[in-house]
C-alpha atoms as a PDB file:
ATOM      1  CA  MET A   1     237.373 -63.612 191.233  1.00  0.00           C
ATOM      2  CA  MET A   2     237.651 -66.755 193.350  1.00  0.00           C
ATOM      3  CA  GLU A   3     235.758 -65.040 196.167  1.00  0.00           C
ATOM      4  CA  TYR A   4     233.216 -63.676 193.699  1.00  0.00           C
ATOM      5  CA  ILE A   5     232.459 -67.178 192.416  1.00  0.00           C
ATOM      6  CA  LEU A   6     232.271 -68.609 195.932  1.00  0.00           C
ATOM      7  CA  ASP A   7     229.880 -65.780 196.875  1.00  0.00           C
ATOM      8  CA  TYR A   8     227.876 -66.463 193.694  1.00  0.00           C
ATOM      9  CA  LEU A   9     227.564 -70.112 194.726  1.00  0.00           C
ATOM     10  CA  ASP A  10     226.587 -69.079 198.236  1.00  0.00           C
ATOM     11  CA  GLU A  11     223.826 -66.841 196.857  1.00  0.00           C
ATOM     12  CA  LYS A  12     222.519 -69.813 194.863  1.00  0.00           C
ATOM     13  CA  GLY A  13     222.562 -72.023 197.967  1.00  0.00           C
ATOM     14  CA  VAL A  14     225.442 -74.139 196.671  1.00  0.00           C
ATOM     15  CA  TYR A  15     227.913 -75.299 199.321  1.00  0.00           C
ATOM     16  CA  ALA A  16     230.707 -77.817 199.702  1.00  0.00           C
ATOM     17  CA  ALA A  17     229.818 -80.590 202.146  1.00  0.00           C
ATOM     18  CA  ASN A  18     233.345 -80.976 203.533  1.00  0.00           C
ATOM     19  CA  GLN A  19     236.939 -79.791 203.202  1.00  0.00           C
ATOM     20  CA  ALA A  20     237.827 -82.273 200.441  1.00  0.00           C
ATOM     21  CA  GLU A  21     234.838 -81.167 198.382  1.00  0.00           C
ATOM     22  CA  GLN A  22     235.777 -77.512 198.980  1.00  0.00           C
ATOM     23  CA  GLU A  23     239.329 -78.145 197.767  1.00  0.00           C
ATOM     24  CA  LYS A  24     238.091 -79.926 194.639  1.00  0.00           C
ATOM     25  CA  LEU A  25     235.666 -77.077 193.985  1.00  0.00           C
ATOM     26  CA  GLU A  26     238.382 -74.442 194.363  1.00  0.00           C
ATOM     27  CA  LYS A  27     240.729 -76.398 192.082  1.00  0.00           C
ATOM     28  CA  GLY A  28     238.022 -76.439 189.413  1.00  0.00           C
ATOM     29  CA  ILE A  29     237.321 -72.725 189.878  1.00  0.00           C
ATOM     30  CA  ARG A  30     241.025 -71.930 189.490  1.00  0.00           C
ATOM     31  CA  LEU A  31     241.184 -73.773 186.162  1.00  0.00           C
ATOM     32  CA  PHE A  32     237.879 -72.234 185.052  1.00  0.00           C
ATOM     33  CA  LEU A  33     239.312 -68.751 185.695  1.00  0.00           C
ATOM     34  CA  LEU A  34     242.695 -69.574 184.162  1.00  0.00           C
ATOM     35  CA  GLU A  35     241.110 -70.777 180.924  1.00  0.00           C
ATOM     36  CA  LYS A  36     239.097 -67.573 180.753  1.00  0.00           C
ATOM     37  CA  GLY A  37     242.236 -65.481 181.292  1.00  0.00           C
ATOM     38  CA  ILE A  38     241.072 -64.080 184.627  1.00  0.00           C
ATOM     39  CA  LYS A  39     243.278 -63.840 187.703  1.00  0.00           C
ATOM     40  CA  GLU A  40     241.973 -65.306 190.945  1.00  0.00           C
ATOM     41  CA  ASP A  41     242.337 -62.000 192.755  1.00  0.00           C
ATOM     42  CA  ASP A  42     240.921 -59.812 189.962  1.00  0.00           C
ATOM     43  CA  ASN A  43     237.797 -57.853 190.912  1.00  0.00           C
ATOM     44  CA  ASP A  44     237.102 -56.027 187.659  1.00  0.00           C
ATOM     45  CA  PRO A  45     233.341 -55.423 187.237  1.00  0.00           C
ATOM     46  CA  TYR A  46     233.539 -56.476 183.575  1.00  0.00           C
ATOM     47  CA  PHE A  47     234.924 -59.882 184.537  1.00  0.00           C
ATOM     48  CA  LYS A  48     232.254 -60.272 187.233  1.00  0.00           C
ATOM     49  CA  LYS A  49     229.557 -59.782 184.595  1.00  0.00           C
ATOM     50  CA  TYR A  50     231.380 -62.165 182.255  1.00  0.00           C
ATOM     51  CA  ILE A  51     231.658 -64.846 184.940  1.00  0.00           C
ATOM     52  CA  ALA A  52     228.040 -64.396 186.018  1.00  0.00           C
ATOM     53  CA  SER A  53     226.836 -64.786 182.435  1.00  0.00           C
ATOM     54  CA  ALA A  54     228.965 -67.938 181.999  1.00  0.00           C
ATOM     55  CA  LEU A  55     227.724 -69.451 185.252  1.00  0.00           C
ATOM     56  CA  ASN A  56     224.114 -68.570 184.434  1.00  0.00           C
ATOM     57  CA  LEU A  57     224.358 -71.077 181.559  1.00  0.00           C
ATOM     58  CA  ILE A  58     224.864 -73.855 184.095  1.00  0.00           C
ATOM     59  CA  GLY A  59     221.847 -75.230 185.898  1.00  0.00           C
ATOM     60  CA  THR A  60     221.832 -74.245 189.570  1.00  0.00           C
ATOM     61  CA  ALA A  61     221.628 -77.903 190.588  1.00  0.00           C
ATOM     62  CA  ASP A  62     224.761 -78.586 188.498  1.00  0.00           C
ATOM     63  CA  LEU A  63     226.917 -75.619 189.574  1.00  0.00           C
ATOM     64  CA  LYS A  64     228.911 -77.330 192.296  1.00  0.00           C
ATOM     65  CA  MET A  65     229.521 -80.454 190.264  1.00  0.00           C
ATOM     66  CA  TYR A  66     230.295 -78.470 187.097  1.00  0.00           C
ATOM     67  CA  LEU A  67     233.001 -76.446 188.833  1.00  0.00           C
ATOM     68  CA  SER A  68     234.290 -79.450 190.789  1.00  0.00           C
ATOM     69  CA  GLU A  69     234.534 -81.505 187.610  1.00  0.00           C
ATOM     70  CA  TYR A  70     235.789 -78.621 185.484  1.00  0.00           C
ATOM     71  CA  PRO A  71     239.275 -80.172 185.112  1.00  0.00           C
ATOM     72  CA  VAL A  72     237.589 -83.220 183.540  1.00  0.00           C
ATOM     73  CA  ILE A  73     235.399 -81.031 181.319  1.00  0.00           C
ATOM     74  CA  SER A  74     238.505 -79.094 180.275  1.00  0.00           C
ATOM     75  CA  ALA A  75     240.365 -82.316 179.411  1.00  0.00           C
ATOM     76  CA  ILE A  76     237.446 -83.460 177.265  1.00  0.00           C
ATOM     77  CA  MET A  77     237.324 -80.113 175.487  1.00  0.00           C
ATOM     78  CA  GLN A  78     241.069 -80.331 174.794  1.00  0.00           C
ATOM     79  CA  ILE A  79     240.718 -83.781 173.239  1.00  0.00           C
ATOM     80  CA  VAL A  80     237.833 -82.562 171.084  1.00  0.00           C
ATOM     81  CA  LEU A  81     239.956 -79.606 169.909  1.00  0.00           C
ATOM     82  CA  GLU A  82     242.812 -81.962 169.030  1.00  0.00           C
ATOM     83  CA  TRP A  83     240.413 -84.160 167.066  1.00  0.00           C
ATOM     84  CA  LYS A  84     238.984 -81.160 165.218  1.00  0.00           C
ATOM     85  CA  ALA A  85     242.506 -80.070 164.261  1.00  0.00           C
ATOM     86  CA  ASP A  86     243.377 -83.169 162.260  1.00  0.00           C
ATOM     87  CA  GLY A  87     240.525 -85.666 162.601  1.00  0.00           C
ATOM     88  CA  ARG A  88     242.625 -88.230 164.431  1.00  0.00           C
ATOM     89  CA  ILE A  89     243.177 -89.082 168.059  1.00  0.00           C
ATOM     90  CA  PRO A  90     245.720 -91.634 169.358  1.00  0.00           C
ATOM     91  CA  SER A  91     244.222 -94.605 171.182  1.00  0.00           C
ATOM     92  CA  SER A  92     245.752 -93.431 174.469  1.00  0.00           C
ATOM     93  CA  ARG A  93     243.813 -90.151 174.186  1.00  0.00           C
ATOM     94  CA  LYS A  94     240.622 -92.073 173.382  1.00  0.00           C
ATOM     95  CA  GLU A  95     241.116 -94.079 176.578  1.00  0.00           C
ATOM     96  CA  ASN A  96     241.651 -90.825 178.443  1.00  0.00           C
ATOM     97  CA  LEU A  97     238.421 -89.507 176.913  1.00  0.00           C
ATOM     98  CA  ARG A  98     236.531 -92.661 177.964  1.00  0.00           C
ATOM     99  CA  SER A  99     237.848 -92.273 181.488  1.00  0.00           C
ATOM    100  CA  CYS A 100     236.825 -88.612 181.584  1.00  0.00           C
ATOM    101  CA  MET A 101     233.368 -89.421 180.265  1.00  0.00           C
ATOM    102  CA  LYS A 102     232.961 -92.147 182.883  1.00  0.00           C
ATOM    103  CA  GLU A 103     233.830 -89.631 185.599  1.00  0.00           C
ATOM    104  CA  LEU A 104     231.339 -87.088 184.225  1.00  0.00           C
ATOM    105  CA  TYR A 105     228.553 -89.655 184.127  1.00  0.00           C
ATOM    106  CA  GLU A 106     229.381 -90.834 187.634  1.00  0.00           C
ATOM    107  CA  SER A 107     229.227 -87.214 188.837  1.00  0.00           C
ATOM    108  CA  GLY A 108     225.720 -86.881 187.444  1.00  0.00           C
ATOM    109  CA  LEU A 109     226.626 -84.292 184.807  1.00  0.00           C
ATOM    110  CA  GLY A 110     226.560 -86.755 181.946  1.00  0.00           C
ATOM    111  CA  ASP A 111     227.228 -85.032 178.642  1.00  0.00           C
ATOM    112  CA  ARG A 112     225.253 -81.838 179.304  1.00  0.00           C
ATOM    113  CA  TYR A 113     228.198 -79.416 179.237  1.00  0.00           C
ATOM    114  CA  ILE A 114     230.442 -80.937 176.596  1.00  0.00           C
ATOM    115  CA  PRO A 115     230.176 -81.351 172.804  1.00  0.00           C
ATOM    116  CA  ALA A 116     228.504 -84.763 173.010  1.00  0.00           C
ATOM    117  CA  THR A 117     228.228 -85.323 169.264  1.00  0.00           C
ATOM    118  CA  GLU A 118     231.960 -84.820 168.750  1.00  0.00           C
ATOM    119  CA  VAL A 119     232.789 -87.076 171.705  1.00  0.00           C
ATOM    120  CA  GLN A 120     230.598 -89.821 170.258  1.00  0.00           C
ATOM    121  CA  MET A 121     232.333 -89.461 166.880  1.00  0.00           C
ATOM    122  CA  ILE A 122     235.767 -89.727 168.503  1.00  0.00           C
ATOM    123  CA  LEU A 123     234.815 -92.796 170.504  1.00  0.00           C
ATOM    124  CA  ALA A 124     233.006 -94.543 167.644  1.00  0.00           C
END
């Protein structure tokens, strides 16, 4: 599936500018696939359709940054899930959330692909 996603990006005209960017992109893709329960080397047509439909929800201009920053997005989602479980978050996790949000804003993604309302409630 890694190659499928890289080909998908290629078809959309989305490329890494250098080796470091490529490595960050691939790291994000690996986590993206892992969280969806899909192996990197899987080529099942069902999963290709599933991945394509998930990636189609992301703006083409945001695809590279979304996948590159996916570990940050995932960390934010985890903190939100923890908060939803019991309504409390330790201050260290709030600081982690602030740091993650700063990184997302610096990347240009802002809060487009995360549950912004919940994040604001946690950080309030």
